[in-house]
Amino acid sequence: DPDSAYYFAQLQFDFAKERGLKKYM
């Protein structure tokens, strides 16, 4: 389900960006 994978990766990106975690972005 790559569309759901994209959605969860966006959550991951937003979370990492809020915390300044560039490696995880």
PDBML (XML) file of the C-alpha atoms, coordinates in Angstrom:
<?xml version="1.0" encoding="UTF-8" ?>
<PDBx:datablock datablockName="MODEL"
   xmlns:PDBx="http://pdbml.pdb.org/schema/pdbx-v50.xsd"
   xmlns:xsi="http://www.w3.org/2001/XMLSchema-instance"
   xsi:schemaLocation="http://pdbml.pdb.org/schema/pdbx-v50.xsd pdbx-v50.xsd">
   <PDBx:atom_siteCategory>
      <PDBx:atom_site id="1">
         <PDBx:B_iso_or_equiv>0.00</PDBx:B_iso_or_equiv>
         <PDBx:Cartn_x>0.000</PDBx:Cartn_x>
         <PDBx:Cartn_y>0.000</PDBx:Cartn_y>
         <PDBx:Cartn_z>0.000</PDBx:Cartn_z>
         <PDBx:auth_asym_id>A</PDBx:auth_asym_id>
         <PDBx:auth_atom_id>CA</PDBx:auth_atom_id>
         <PDBx:auth_comp_id>ASP</PDBx:auth_comp_id>
         <PDBx:auth_seq_id>1</PDBx:auth_seq_id>
         <PDBx:group_PDB>ATOM</PDBx:group_PDB>
         <PDBx:label_alt_id xsi:nil="true" />
         <PDBx:label_asym_id>A</PDBx:label_asym_id>
         <PDBx:label_atom_id>CA</PDBx:label_atom_id>
         <PDBx:label_comp_id>ASP</PDBx:label_comp_id>
         <PDBx:label_entity_id>1</PDBx:label_entity_id>
         <PDBx:label_seq_id>1</PDBx:label_seq_id>
         <PDBx:occupancy>1.00</PDBx:occupancy>
         <PDBx:pdbx_PDB_model_num>1</PDBx:pdbx_PDB_model_num>
         <PDBx:type_symbol>C</PDBx:type_symbol>
      </PDBx:atom_site>
      <PDBx:atom_site id="2">
         <PDBx:B_iso_or_equiv>0.00</PDBx:B_iso_or_equiv>
         <PDBx:Cartn_x>2.477</PDBx:Cartn_x>
         <PDBx:Cartn_y>2.647</PDBx:Cartn_y>
         <PDBx:Cartn_z>-1.182</PDBx:Cartn_z>
         <PDBx:auth_asym_id>A</PDBx:auth_asym_id>
         <PDBx:auth_atom_id>CA</PDBx:auth_atom_id>
         <PDBx:auth_comp_id>PRO</PDBx:auth_comp_id>
         <PDBx:auth_seq_id>2</PDBx:auth_seq_id>
         <PDBx:group_PDB>ATOM</PDBx:group_PDB>
         <PDBx:label_alt_id xsi:nil="true" />
         <PDBx:label_asym_id>A</PDBx:label_asym_id>
         <PDBx:label_atom_id>CA</PDBx:label_atom_id>
         <PDBx:label_comp_id>PRO</PDBx:label_comp_id>
         <PDBx:label_entity_id>1</PDBx:label_entity_id>
         <PDBx:label_seq_id>2</PDBx:label_seq_id>
         <PDBx:occupancy>1.00</PDBx:occupancy>
         <PDBx:pdbx_PDB_model_num>1</PDBx:pdbx_PDB_model_num>
         <PDBx:type_symbol>C</PDBx:type_symbol>
      </PDBx:atom_site>
      <PDBx:atom_site id="3">
         <PDBx:B_iso_or_equiv>0.00</PDBx:B_iso_or_equiv>
         <PDBx:Cartn_x>-0.077</PDBx:Cartn_x>
         <PDBx:Cartn_y>5.460</PDBx:Cartn_y>
         <PDBx:Cartn_z>-0.799</PDBx:Cartn_z>
         <PDBx:auth_asym_id>A</PDBx:auth_asym_id>
         <PDBx:auth_atom_id>CA</PDBx:auth_atom_id>
         <PDBx:auth_comp_id>ASP</PDBx:auth_comp_id>
         <PDBx:auth_seq_id>3</PDBx:auth_seq_id>
         <PDBx:group_PDB>ATOM</PDBx:group_PDB>
         <PDBx:label_alt_id xsi:nil="true" />
         <PDBx:label_asym_id>A</PDBx:label_asym_id>
         <PDBx:label_atom_id>CA</PDBx:label_atom_id>
         <PDBx:label_comp_id>ASP</PDBx:label_comp_id>
         <PDBx:label_entity_id>1</PDBx:label_entity_id>
         <PDBx:label_seq_id>3</PDBx:label_seq_id>
         <PDBx:occupancy>1.00</PDBx:occupancy>
         <PDBx:pdbx_PDB_model_num>1</PDBx:pdbx_PDB_model_num>
         <PDBx:type_symbol>C</PDBx:type_symbol>
      </PDBx:atom_site>
      <PDBx:atom_site id="4">
         <PDBx:B_iso_or_equiv>0.00</PDBx:B_iso_or_equiv>
         <PDBx:Cartn_x>-0.364</PDBx:Cartn_x>
         <PDBx:Cartn_y>4.711</PDBx:Cartn_y>
         <PDBx:Cartn_z>2.923</PDBx:Cartn_z>
         <PDBx:auth_asym_id>A</PDBx:auth_asym_id>
         <PDBx:auth_atom_id>CA</PDBx:auth_atom_id>
         <PDBx:auth_comp_id>SER</PDBx:auth_comp_id>
         <PDBx:auth_seq_id>4</PDBx:auth_seq_id>
         <PDBx:group_PDB>ATOM</PDBx:group_PDB>
         <PDBx:label_alt_id xsi:nil="true" />
         <PDBx:label_asym_id>A</PDBx:label_asym_id>
         <PDBx:label_atom_id>CA</PDBx:label_atom_id>
         <PDBx:label_comp_id>SER</PDBx:label_comp_id>
         <PDBx:label_entity_id>1</PDBx:label_entity_id>
         <PDBx:label_seq_id>4</PDBx:label_seq_id>
         <PDBx:occupancy>1.00</PDBx:occupancy>
         <PDBx:pdbx_PDB_model_num>1</PDBx:pdbx_PDB_model_num>
         <PDBx:type_symbol>C</PDBx:type_symbol>
      </PDBx:atom_site>
      <PDBx:atom_site id="5">
         <PDBx:B_iso_or_equiv>0.00</PDBx:B_iso_or_equiv>
         <PDBx:Cartn_x>3.424</PDBx:Cartn_x>
         <PDBx:Cartn_y>4.412</PDBx:Cartn_y>
         <PDBx:Cartn_z>3.105</PDBx:Cartn_z>
         <PDBx:auth_asym_id>A</PDBx:auth_asym_id>
         <PDBx:auth_atom_id>CA</PDBx:auth_atom_id>
         <PDBx:auth_comp_id>ALA</PDBx:auth_comp_id>
         <PDBx:auth_seq_id>5</PDBx:auth_seq_id>
         <PDBx:group_PDB>ATOM</PDBx:group_PDB>
         <PDBx:label_alt_id xsi:nil="true" />
         <PDBx:label_asym_id>A</PDBx:label_asym_id>
         <PDBx:label_atom_id>CA</PDBx:label_atom_id>
         <PDBx:label_comp_id>ALA</PDBx:label_comp_id>
         <PDBx:label_entity_id>1</PDBx:label_entity_id>
         <PDBx:label_seq_id>5</PDBx:label_seq_id>
         <PDBx:occupancy>1.00</PDBx:occupancy>
         <PDBx:pdbx_PDB_model_num>1</PDBx:pdbx_PDB_model_num>
         <PDBx:type_symbol>C</PDBx:type_symbol>
      </PDBx:atom_site>
      <PDBx:atom_site id="6">
         <PDBx:B_iso_or_equiv>0.00</PDBx:B_iso_or_equiv>
         <PDBx:Cartn_x>3.653</PDBx:Cartn_x>
         <PDBx:Cartn_y>7.910</PDBx:Cartn_y>
         <PDBx:Cartn_z>1.609</PDBx:Cartn_z>
         <PDBx:auth_asym_id>A</PDBx:auth_asym_id>
         <PDBx:auth_atom_id>CA</PDBx:auth_atom_id>
         <PDBx:auth_comp_id>TYR</PDBx:auth_comp_id>
         <PDBx:auth_seq_id>6</PDBx:auth_seq_id>
         <PDBx:group_PDB>ATOM</PDBx:group_PDB>
         <PDBx:label_alt_id xsi:nil="true" />
         <PDBx:label_asym_id>A</PDBx:label_asym_id>
         <PDBx:label_atom_id>CA</PDBx:label_atom_id>
         <PDBx:label_comp_id>TYR</PDBx:label_comp_id>
         <PDBx:label_entity_id>1</PDBx:label_entity_id>
         <PDBx:label_seq_id>6</PDBx:label_seq_id>
         <PDBx:occupancy>1.00</PDBx:occupancy>
         <PDBx:pdbx_PDB_model_num>1</PDBx:pdbx_PDB_model_num>
         <PDBx:type_symbol>C</PDBx:type_symbol>
      </PDBx:atom_site>
      <PDBx:atom_site id="7">
         <PDBx:B_iso_or_equiv>0.00</PDBx:B_iso_or_equiv>
         <PDBx:Cartn_x>1.160</PDBx:Cartn_x>
         <PDBx:Cartn_y>9.227</PDBx:Cartn_y>
         <PDBx:Cartn_z>4.186</PDBx:Cartn_z>
         <PDBx:auth_asym_id>A</PDBx:auth_asym_id>
         <PDBx:auth_atom_id>CA</PDBx:auth_atom_id>
         <PDBx:auth_comp_id>TYR</PDBx:auth_comp_id>
         <PDBx:auth_seq_id>7</PDBx:auth_seq_id>
         <PDBx:group_PDB>ATOM</PDBx:group_PDB>
         <PDBx:label_alt_id xsi:nil="true" />
         <PDBx:label_asym_id>A</PDBx:label_asym_id>
         <PDBx:label_atom_id>CA</PDBx:label_atom_id>
         <PDBx:label_comp_id>TYR</PDBx:label_comp_id>
         <PDBx:label_entity_id>1</PDBx:label_entity_id>
         <PDBx:label_seq_id>7</PDBx:label_seq_id>
         <PDBx:occupancy>1.00</PDBx:occupancy>
         <PDBx:pdbx_PDB_model_num>1</PDBx:pdbx_PDB_model_num>
         <PDBx:type_symbol>C</PDBx:type_symbol>
      </PDBx:atom_site>
      <PDBx:atom_site id="8">
         <PDBx:B_iso_or_equiv>0.00</PDBx:B_iso_or_equiv>
         <PDBx:Cartn_x>3.088</PDBx:Cartn_x>
         <PDBx:Cartn_y>7.763</PDBx:Cartn_y>
         <PDBx:Cartn_z>7.123</PDBx:Cartn_z>
         <PDBx:auth_asym_id>A</PDBx:auth_asym_id>
         <PDBx:auth_atom_id>CA</PDBx:auth_atom_id>
         <PDBx:auth_comp_id>PHE</PDBx:auth_comp_id>
         <PDBx:auth_seq_id>8</PDBx:auth_seq_id>
         <PDBx:group_PDB>ATOM</PDBx:group_PDB>
         <PDBx:label_alt_id xsi:nil="true" />
         <PDBx:label_asym_id>A</PDBx:label_asym_id>
         <PDBx:label_atom_id>CA</PDBx:label_atom_id>
         <PDBx:label_comp_id>PHE</PDBx:label_comp_id>
         <PDBx:label_entity_id>1</PDBx:label_entity_id>
         <PDBx:label_seq_id>8</PDBx:label_seq_id>
         <PDBx:occupancy>1.00</PDBx:occupancy>
         <PDBx:pdbx_PDB_model_num>1</PDBx:pdbx_PDB_model_num>
         <PDBx:type_symbol>C</PDBx:type_symbol>
      </PDBx:atom_site>
      <PDBx:atom_site id="9">
         <PDBx:B_iso_or_equiv>0.00</PDBx:B_iso_or_equiv>
         <PDBx:Cartn_x>6.391</PDBx:Cartn_x>
         <PDBx:Cartn_y>8.983</PDBx:Cartn_y>
         <PDBx:Cartn_z>5.670</PDBx:Cartn_z>
         <PDBx:auth_asym_id>A</PDBx:auth_asym_id>
         <PDBx:auth_atom_id>CA</PDBx:auth_atom_id>
         <PDBx:auth_comp_id>ALA</PDBx:auth_comp_id>
         <PDBx:auth_seq_id>9</PDBx:auth_seq_id>
         <PDBx:group_PDB>ATOM</PDBx:group_PDB>
         <PDBx:label_alt_id xsi:nil="true" />
         <PDBx:label_asym_id>A</PDBx:label_asym_id>
         <PDBx:label_atom_id>CA</PDBx:label_atom_id>
         <PDBx:label_comp_id>ALA</PDBx:label_comp_id>
         <PDBx:label_entity_id>1</PDBx:label_entity_id>
         <PDBx:label_seq_id>9</PDBx:label_seq_id>
         <PDBx:occupancy>1.00</PDBx:occupancy>
         <PDBx:pdbx_PDB_model_num>1</PDBx:pdbx_PDB_model_num>
         <PDBx:type_symbol>C</PDBx:type_symbol>
      </PDBx:atom_site>
      <PDBx:atom_site id="10">
         <PDBx:B_iso_or_equiv>0.00</PDBx:B_iso_or_equiv>
         <PDBx:Cartn_x>4.882</PDBx:Cartn_x>
         <PDBx:Cartn_y>12.480</PDBx:Cartn_y>
         <PDBx:Cartn_z>5.547</PDBx:Cartn_z>
         <PDBx:auth_asym_id>A</PDBx:auth_asym_id>
         <PDBx:auth_atom_id>CA</PDBx:auth_atom_id>
         <PDBx:auth_comp_id>GLN</PDBx:auth_comp_id>
         <PDBx:auth_seq_id>10</PDBx:auth_seq_id>
         <PDBx:group_PDB>ATOM</PDBx:group_PDB>
         <PDBx:label_alt_id xsi:nil="true" />
         <PDBx:label_asym_id>A</PDBx:label_asym_id>
         <PDBx:label_atom_id>CA</PDBx:label_atom_id>
         <PDBx:label_comp_id>GLN</PDBx:label_comp_id>
         <PDBx:label_entity_id>1</PDBx:label_entity_id>
         <PDBx:label_seq_id>10</PDBx:label_seq_id>
         <PDBx:occupancy>1.00</PDBx:occupancy>
         <PDBx:pdbx_PDB_model_num>1</PDBx:pdbx_PDB_model_num>
         <PDBx:type_symbol>C</PDBx:type_symbol>
      </PDBx:atom_site>
      <PDBx:atom_site id="11">
         <PDBx:B_iso_or_equiv>0.00</PDBx:B_iso_or_equiv>
         <PDBx:Cartn_x>4.026</PDBx:Cartn_x>
         <PDBx:Cartn_y>12.152</PDBx:Cartn_y>
         <PDBx:Cartn_z>9.254</PDBx:Cartn_z>
         <PDBx:auth_asym_id>A</PDBx:auth_asym_id>
         <PDBx:auth_atom_id>CA</PDBx:auth_atom_id>
         <PDBx:auth_comp_id>LEU</PDBx:auth_comp_id>
         <PDBx:auth_seq_id>11</PDBx:auth_seq_id>
         <PDBx:group_PDB>ATOM</PDBx:group_PDB>
         <PDBx:label_alt_id xsi:nil="true" />
         <PDBx:label_asym_id>A</PDBx:label_asym_id>
         <PDBx:label_atom_id>CA</PDBx:label_atom_id>
         <PDBx:label_comp_id>LEU</PDBx:label_comp_id>
         <PDBx:label_entity_id>1</PDBx:label_entity_id>
         <PDBx:label_seq_id>11</PDBx:label_seq_id>
         <PDBx:occupancy>1.00</PDBx:occupancy>
         <PDBx:pdbx_PDB_model_num>1</PDBx:pdbx_PDB_model_num>
         <PDBx:type_symbol>C</PDBx:type_symbol>
      </PDBx:atom_site>
      <PDBx:atom_site id="12">
         <PDBx:B_iso_or_equiv>0.00</PDBx:B_iso_or_equiv>
         <PDBx:Cartn_x>7.603</PDBx:Cartn_x>
         <PDBx:Cartn_y>11.058</PDBx:Cartn_y>
         <PDBx:Cartn_z>9.818</PDBx:Cartn_z>
         <PDBx:auth_asym_id>A</PDBx:auth_asym_id>
         <PDBx:auth_atom_id>CA</PDBx:auth_atom_id>
         <PDBx:auth_comp_id>GLN</PDBx:auth_comp_id>
         <PDBx:auth_seq_id>12</PDBx:auth_seq_id>
         <PDBx:group_PDB>ATOM</PDBx:group_PDB>
         <PDBx:label_alt_id xsi:nil="true" />
         <PDBx:label_asym_id>A</PDBx:label_asym_id>
         <PDBx:label_atom_id>CA</PDBx:label_atom_id>
         <PDBx:label_comp_id>GLN</PDBx:label_comp_id>
         <PDBx:label_entity_id>1</PDBx:label_entity_id>
         <PDBx:label_seq_id>12</PDBx:label_seq_id>
         <PDBx:occupancy>1.00</PDBx:occupancy>
         <PDBx:pdbx_PDB_model_num>1</PDBx:pdbx_PDB_model_num>
         <PDBx:type_symbol>C</PDBx:type_symbol>
      </PDBx:atom_site>
      <PDBx:atom_site id="13">
         <PDBx:B_iso_or_equiv>0.00</PDBx:B_iso_or_equiv>
         <PDBx:Cartn_x>8.938</PDBx:Cartn_x>
         <PDBx:Cartn_y>14.019</PDBx:Cartn_y>
         <PDBx:Cartn_z>7.810</PDBx:Cartn_z>
         <PDBx:auth_asym_id>A</PDBx:auth_asym_id>
         <PDBx:auth_atom_id>CA</PDBx:auth_atom_id>
         <PDBx:auth_comp_id>PHE</PDBx:auth_comp_id>
         <PDBx:auth_seq_id>13</PDBx:auth_seq_id>
         <PDBx:group_PDB>ATOM</PDBx:group_PDB>
         <PDBx:label_alt_id xsi:nil="true" />
         <PDBx:label_asym_id>A</PDBx:label_asym_id>
         <PDBx:label_atom_id>CA</PDBx:label_atom_id>
         <PDBx:label_comp_id>PHE</PDBx:label_comp_id>
         <PDBx:label_entity_id>1</PDBx:label_entity_id>
         <PDBx:label_seq_id>13</PDBx:label_seq_id>
         <PDBx:occupancy>1.00</PDBx:occupancy>
         <PDBx:pdbx_PDB_model_num>1</PDBx:pdbx_PDB_model_num>
         <PDBx:type_symbol>C</PDBx:type_symbol>
      </PDBx:atom_site>
      <PDBx:atom_site id="14">
         <PDBx:B_iso_or_equiv>0.00</PDBx:B_iso_or_equiv>
         <PDBx:Cartn_x>6.762</PDBx:Cartn_x>
         <PDBx:Cartn_y>16.591</PDBx:Cartn_y>
         <PDBx:Cartn_z>9.595</PDBx:Cartn_z>
         <PDBx:auth_asym_id>A</PDBx:auth_asym_id>
         <PDBx:auth_atom_id>CA</PDBx:auth_atom_id>
         <PDBx:auth_comp_id>ASP</PDBx:auth_comp_id>
         <PDBx:auth_seq_id>14</PDBx:auth_seq_id>
         <PDBx:group_PDB>ATOM</PDBx:group_PDB>
         <PDBx:label_alt_id xsi:nil="true" />
         <PDBx:label_asym_id>A</PDBx:label_asym_id>
         <PDBx:label_atom_id>CA</PDBx:label_atom_id>
         <PDBx:label_comp_id>ASP</PDBx:label_comp_id>
         <PDBx:label_entity_id>1</PDBx:label_entity_id>
         <PDBx:label_seq_id>14</PDBx:label_seq_id>
         <PDBx:occupancy>1.00</PDBx:occupancy>
         <PDBx:pdbx_PDB_model_num>1</PDBx:pdbx_PDB_model_num>
         <PDBx:type_symbol>C</PDBx:type_symbol>
      </PDBx:atom_site>
      <PDBx:atom_site id="15">
         <PDBx:B_iso_or_equiv>0.00</PDBx:B_iso_or_equiv>
         <PDBx:Cartn_x>7.688</PDBx:Cartn_x>
         <PDBx:Cartn_y>15.183</PDBx:Cartn_y>
         <PDBx:Cartn_z>13.008</PDBx:Cartn_z>
         <PDBx:auth_asym_id>A</PDBx:auth_asym_id>
         <PDBx:auth_atom_id>CA</PDBx:auth_atom_id>
         <PDBx:auth_comp_id>PHE</PDBx:auth_comp_id>
         <PDBx:auth_seq_id>15</PDBx:auth_seq_id>
         <PDBx:group_PDB>ATOM</PDBx:group_PDB>
         <PDBx:label_alt_id xsi:nil="true" />
         <PDBx:label_asym_id>A</PDBx:label_asym_id>
         <PDBx:label_atom_id>CA</PDBx:label_atom_id>
         <PDBx:label_comp_id>PHE</PDBx:label_comp_id>
         <PDBx:label_entity_id>1</PDBx:label_entity_id>
         <PDBx:label_seq_id>15</PDBx:label_seq_id>
         <PDBx:occupancy>1.00</PDBx:occupancy>
         <PDBx:pdbx_PDB_model_num>1</PDBx:pdbx_PDB_model_num>
         <PDBx:type_symbol>C</PDBx:type_symbol>
      </PDBx:atom_site>
      <PDBx:atom_site id="16">
         <PDBx:B_iso_or_equiv>0.00</PDBx:B_iso_or_equiv>
         <PDBx:Cartn_x>11.403</PDBx:Cartn_x>
         <PDBx:Cartn_y>15.248</PDBx:Cartn_y>
         <PDBx:Cartn_z>12.158</PDBx:Cartn_z>
         <PDBx:auth_asym_id>A</PDBx:auth_asym_id>
         <PDBx:auth_atom_id>CA</PDBx:auth_atom_id>
         <PDBx:auth_comp_id>ALA</PDBx:auth_comp_id>
         <PDBx:auth_seq_id>16</PDBx:auth_seq_id>
         <PDBx:group_PDB>ATOM</PDBx:group_PDB>
         <PDBx:label_alt_id xsi:nil="true" />
         <PDBx:label_asym_id>A</PDBx:label_asym_id>
         <PDBx:label_atom_id>CA</PDBx:label_atom_id>
         <PDBx:label_comp_id>ALA</PDBx:label_comp_id>
         <PDBx:label_entity_id>1</PDBx:label_entity_id>
         <PDBx:label_seq_id>16</PDBx:label_seq_id>
         <PDBx:occupancy>1.00</PDBx:occupancy>
         <PDBx:pdbx_PDB_model_num>1</PDBx:pdbx_PDB_model_num>
         <PDBx:type_symbol>C</PDBx:type_symbol>
      </PDBx:atom_site>
      <PDBx:atom_site id="17">
         <PDBx:B_iso_or_equiv>0.00</PDBx:B_iso_or_equiv>
         <PDBx:Cartn_x>11.199</PDBx:Cartn_x>
         <PDBx:Cartn_y>18.758</PDBx:Cartn_y>
         <PDBx:Cartn_z>10.679</PDBx:Cartn_z>
         <PDBx:auth_asym_id>A</PDBx:auth_asym_id>
         <PDBx:auth_atom_id>CA</PDBx:auth_atom_id>
         <PDBx:auth_comp_id>LYS</PDBx:auth_comp_id>
         <PDBx:auth_seq_id>17</PDBx:auth_seq_id>
         <PDBx:group_PDB>ATOM</PDBx:group_PDB>
         <PDBx:label_alt_id xsi:nil="true" />
         <PDBx:label_asym_id>A</PDBx:label_asym_id>
         <PDBx:label_atom_id>CA</PDBx:label_atom_id>
         <PDBx:label_comp_id>LYS</PDBx:label_comp_id>
         <PDBx:label_entity_id>1</PDBx:label_entity_id>
         <PDBx:label_seq_id>17</PDBx:label_seq_id>
         <PDBx:occupancy>1.00</PDBx:occupancy>
         <PDBx:pdbx_PDB_model_num>1</PDBx:pdbx_PDB_model_num>
         <PDBx:type_symbol>C</PDBx:type_symbol>
      </PDBx:atom_site>
      <PDBx:atom_site id="18">
         <PDBx:B_iso_or_equiv>0.00</PDBx:B_iso_or_equiv>
         <PDBx:Cartn_x>9.497</PDBx:Cartn_x>
         <PDBx:Cartn_y>20.136</PDBx:Cartn_y>
         <PDBx:Cartn_z>13.824</PDBx:Cartn_z>
         <PDBx:auth_asym_id>A</PDBx:auth_asym_id>
         <PDBx:auth_atom_id>CA</PDBx:auth_atom_id>
         <PDBx:auth_comp_id>GLU</PDBx:auth_comp_id>
         <PDBx:auth_seq_id>18</PDBx:auth_seq_id>
         <PDBx:group_PDB>ATOM</PDBx:group_PDB>
         <PDBx:label_alt_id xsi:nil="true" />
         <PDBx:label_asym_id>A</PDBx:label_asym_id>
         <PDBx:label_atom_id>CA</PDBx:label_atom_id>
         <PDBx:label_comp_id>GLU</PDBx:label_comp_id>
         <PDBx:label_entity_id>1</PDBx:label_entity_id>
         <PDBx:label_seq_id>18</PDBx:label_seq_id>
         <PDBx:occupancy>1.00</PDBx:occupancy>
         <PDBx:pdbx_PDB_model_num>1</PDBx:pdbx_PDB_model_num>
         <PDBx:type_symbol>C</PDBx:type_symbol>
      </PDBx:atom_site>
      <PDBx:atom_site id="19">
         <PDBx:B_iso_or_equiv>0.00</PDBx:B_iso_or_equiv>
         <PDBx:Cartn_x>12.408</PDBx:Cartn_x>
         <PDBx:Cartn_y>18.786</PDBx:Cartn_y>
         <PDBx:Cartn_z>15.840</PDBx:Cartn_z>
         <PDBx:auth_asym_id>A</PDBx:auth_asym_id>
         <PDBx:auth_atom_id>CA</PDBx:auth_atom_id>
         <PDBx:auth_comp_id>ARG</PDBx:auth_comp_id>
         <PDBx:auth_seq_id>19</PDBx:auth_seq_id>
         <PDBx:group_PDB>ATOM</PDBx:group_PDB>
         <PDBx:label_alt_id xsi:nil="true" />
         <PDBx:label_asym_id>A</PDBx:label_asym_id>
         <PDBx:label_atom_id>CA</PDBx:label_atom_id>
         <PDBx:label_comp_id>ARG</PDBx:label_comp_id>
         <PDBx:label_entity_id>1</PDBx:label_entity_id>
         <PDBx:label_seq_id>19</PDBx:label_seq_id>
         <PDBx:occupancy>1.00</PDBx:occupancy>
         <PDBx:pdbx_PDB_model_num>1</PDBx:pdbx_PDB_model_num>
         <PDBx:type_symbol>C</PDBx:type_symbol>
      </PDBx:atom_site>
      <PDBx:atom_site id="20">
         <PDBx:B_iso_or_equiv>0.00</PDBx:B_iso_or_equiv>
         <PDBx:Cartn_x>15.199</PDBx:Cartn_x>
         <PDBx:Cartn_y>19.732</PDBx:Cartn_y>
         <PDBx:Cartn_z>13.444</PDBx:Cartn_z>
         <PDBx:auth_asym_id>A</PDBx:auth_asym_id>
         <PDBx:auth_atom_id>CA</PDBx:auth_atom_id>
         <PDBx:auth_comp_id>GLY</PDBx:auth_comp_id>
         <PDBx:auth_seq_id>20</PDBx:auth_seq_id>
         <PDBx:group_PDB>ATOM</PDBx:group_PDB>
         <PDBx:label_alt_id xsi:nil="true" />
         <PDBx:label_asym_id>A</PDBx:label_asym_id>
         <PDBx:label_atom_id>CA</PDBx:label_atom_id>
         <PDBx:label_comp_id>GLY</PDBx:label_comp_id>
         <PDBx:label_entity_id>1</PDBx:label_entity_id>
         <PDBx:label_seq_id>20</PDBx:label_seq_id>
         <PDBx:occupancy>1.00</PDBx:occupancy>
         <PDBx:pdbx_PDB_model_num>1</PDBx:pdbx_PDB_model_num>
         <PDBx:type_symbol>C</PDBx:type_symbol>
      </PDBx:atom_site>
      <PDBx:atom_site id="21">
         <PDBx:B_iso_or_equiv>0.00</PDBx:B_iso_or_equiv>
         <PDBx:Cartn_x>16.159</PDBx:Cartn_x>
         <PDBx:Cartn_y>16.107</PDBx:Cartn_y>
         <PDBx:Cartn_z>12.806</PDBx:Cartn_z>
         <PDBx:auth_asym_id>A</PDBx:auth_asym_id>
         <PDBx:auth_atom_id>CA</PDBx:auth_atom_id>
         <PDBx:auth_comp_id>LEU</PDBx:auth_comp_id>
         <PDBx:auth_seq_id>21</PDBx:auth_seq_id>
         <PDBx:group_PDB>ATOM</PDBx:group_PDB>
         <PDBx:label_alt_id xsi:nil="true" />
         <PDBx:label_asym_id>A</PDBx:label_asym_id>
         <PDBx:label_atom_id>CA</PDBx:label_atom_id>
         <PDBx:label_comp_id>LEU</PDBx:label_comp_id>
         <PDBx:label_entity_id>1</PDBx:label_entity_id>
         <PDBx:label_seq_id>21</PDBx:label_seq_id>
         <PDBx:occupancy>1.00</PDBx:occupancy>
         <PDBx:pdbx_PDB_model_num>1</PDBx:pdbx_PDB_model_num>
         <PDBx:type_symbol>C</PDBx:type_symbol>
      </PDBx:atom_site>
      <PDBx:atom_site id="22">
         <PDBx:B_iso_or_equiv>0.00</PDBx:B_iso_or_equiv>
         <PDBx:Cartn_x>17.500</PDBx:Cartn_x>
         <PDBx:Cartn_y>16.436</PDBx:Cartn_y>
         <PDBx:Cartn_z>9.265</PDBx:Cartn_z>
         <PDBx:auth_asym_id>A</PDBx:auth_asym_id>
         <PDBx:auth_atom_id>CA</PDBx:auth_atom_id>
         <PDBx:auth_comp_id>LYS</PDBx:auth_comp_id>
         <PDBx:auth_seq_id>22</PDBx:auth_seq_id>
         <PDBx:group_PDB>ATOM</PDBx:group_PDB>
         <PDBx:label_alt_id xsi:nil="true" />
         <PDBx:label_asym_id>A</PDBx:label_asym_id>
         <PDBx:label_atom_id>CA</PDBx:label_atom_id>
         <PDBx:label_comp_id>LYS</PDBx:label_comp_id>
         <PDBx:label_entity_id>1</PDBx:label_entity_id>
         <PDBx:label_seq_id>22</PDBx:label_seq_id>
         <PDBx:occupancy>1.00</PDBx:occupancy>
         <PDBx:pdbx_PDB_model_num>1</PDBx:pdbx_PDB_model_num>
         <PDBx:type_symbol>C</PDBx:type_symbol>
      </PDBx:atom_site>
      <PDBx:atom_site id="23">
         <PDBx:B_iso_or_equiv>0.00</PDBx:B_iso_or_equiv>
         <PDBx:Cartn_x>18.748</PDBx:Cartn_x>
         <PDBx:Cartn_y>12.862</PDBx:Cartn_y>
         <PDBx:Cartn_z>8.990</PDBx:Cartn_z>
         <PDBx:auth_asym_id>A</PDBx:auth_asym_id>
         <PDBx:auth_atom_id>CA</PDBx:auth_atom_id>
         <PDBx:auth_comp_id>LYS</PDBx:auth_comp_id>
         <PDBx:auth_seq_id>23</PDBx:auth_seq_id>
         <PDBx:group_PDB>ATOM</PDBx:group_PDB>
         <PDBx:label_alt_id xsi:nil="true" />
         <PDBx:label_asym_id>A</PDBx:label_asym_id>
         <PDBx:label_atom_id>CA</PDBx:label_atom_id>
         <PDBx:label_comp_id>LYS</PDBx:label_comp_id>
         <PDBx:label_entity_id>1</PDBx:label_entity_id>
         <PDBx:label_seq_id>23</PDBx:label_seq_id>
         <PDBx:occupancy>1.00</PDBx:occupancy>
         <PDBx:pdbx_PDB_model_num>1</PDBx:pdbx_PDB_model_num>
         <PDBx:type_symbol>C</PDBx:type_symbol>
      </PDBx:atom_site>
      <PDBx:atom_site id="24">
         <PDBx:B_iso_or_equiv>0.00</PDBx:B_iso_or_equiv>
         <PDBx:Cartn_x>15.206</PDBx:Cartn_x>
         <PDBx:Cartn_y>11.620</PDBx:Cartn_y>
         <PDBx:Cartn_z>9.555</PDBx:Cartn_z>
         <PDBx:auth_asym_id>A</PDBx:auth_asym_id>
         <PDBx:auth_atom_id>CA</PDBx:auth_atom_id>
         <PDBx:auth_comp_id>TYR</PDBx:auth_comp_id>
         <PDBx:auth_seq_id>24</PDBx:auth_seq_id>
         <PDBx:group_PDB>ATOM</PDBx:group_PDB>
         <PDBx:label_alt_id xsi:nil="true" />
         <PDBx:label_asym_id>A</PDBx:label_asym_id>
         <PDBx:label_atom_id>CA</PDBx:label_atom_id>
         <PDBx:label_comp_id>TYR</PDBx:label_comp_id>
         <PDBx:label_entity_id>1</PDBx:label_entity_id>
         <PDBx:label_seq_id>24</PDBx:label_seq_id>
         <PDBx:occupancy>1.00</PDBx:occupancy>
         <PDBx:pdbx_PDB_model_num>1</PDBx:pdbx_PDB_model_num>
         <PDBx:type_symbol>C</PDBx:type_symbol>
      </PDBx:atom_site>
      <PDBx:atom_site id="25">
         <PDBx:B_iso_or_equiv>0.00</PDBx:B_iso_or_equiv>
         <PDBx:Cartn_x>13.710</PDBx:Cartn_x>
         <PDBx:Cartn_y>14.231</PDBx:Cartn_y>
         <PDBx:Cartn_z>7.243</PDBx:Cartn_z>
         <PDBx:auth_asym_id>A</PDBx:auth_asym_id>
         <PDBx:auth_atom_id>CA</PDBx:auth_atom_id>
         <PDBx:auth_comp_id>MET</PDBx:auth_comp_id>
         <PDBx:auth_seq_id>25</PDBx:auth_seq_id>
         <PDBx:group_PDB>ATOM</PDBx:group_PDB>
         <PDBx:label_alt_id xsi:nil="true" />
         <PDBx:label_asym_id>A</PDBx:label_asym_id>
         <PDBx:label_atom_id>CA</PDBx:label_atom_id>
         <PDBx:label_comp_id>MET</PDBx:label_comp_id>
         <PDBx:label_entity_id>1</PDBx:label_entity_id>
         <PDBx:label_seq_id>25</PDBx:label_seq_id>
         <PDBx:occupancy>1.00</PDBx:occupancy>
         <PDBx:pdbx_PDB_model_num>1</PDBx:pdbx_PDB_model_num>
         <PDBx:type_symbol>C</PDBx:type_symbol>
      </PDBx:atom_site>
   </PDBx:atom_siteCategory>
</PDBx:datablock>
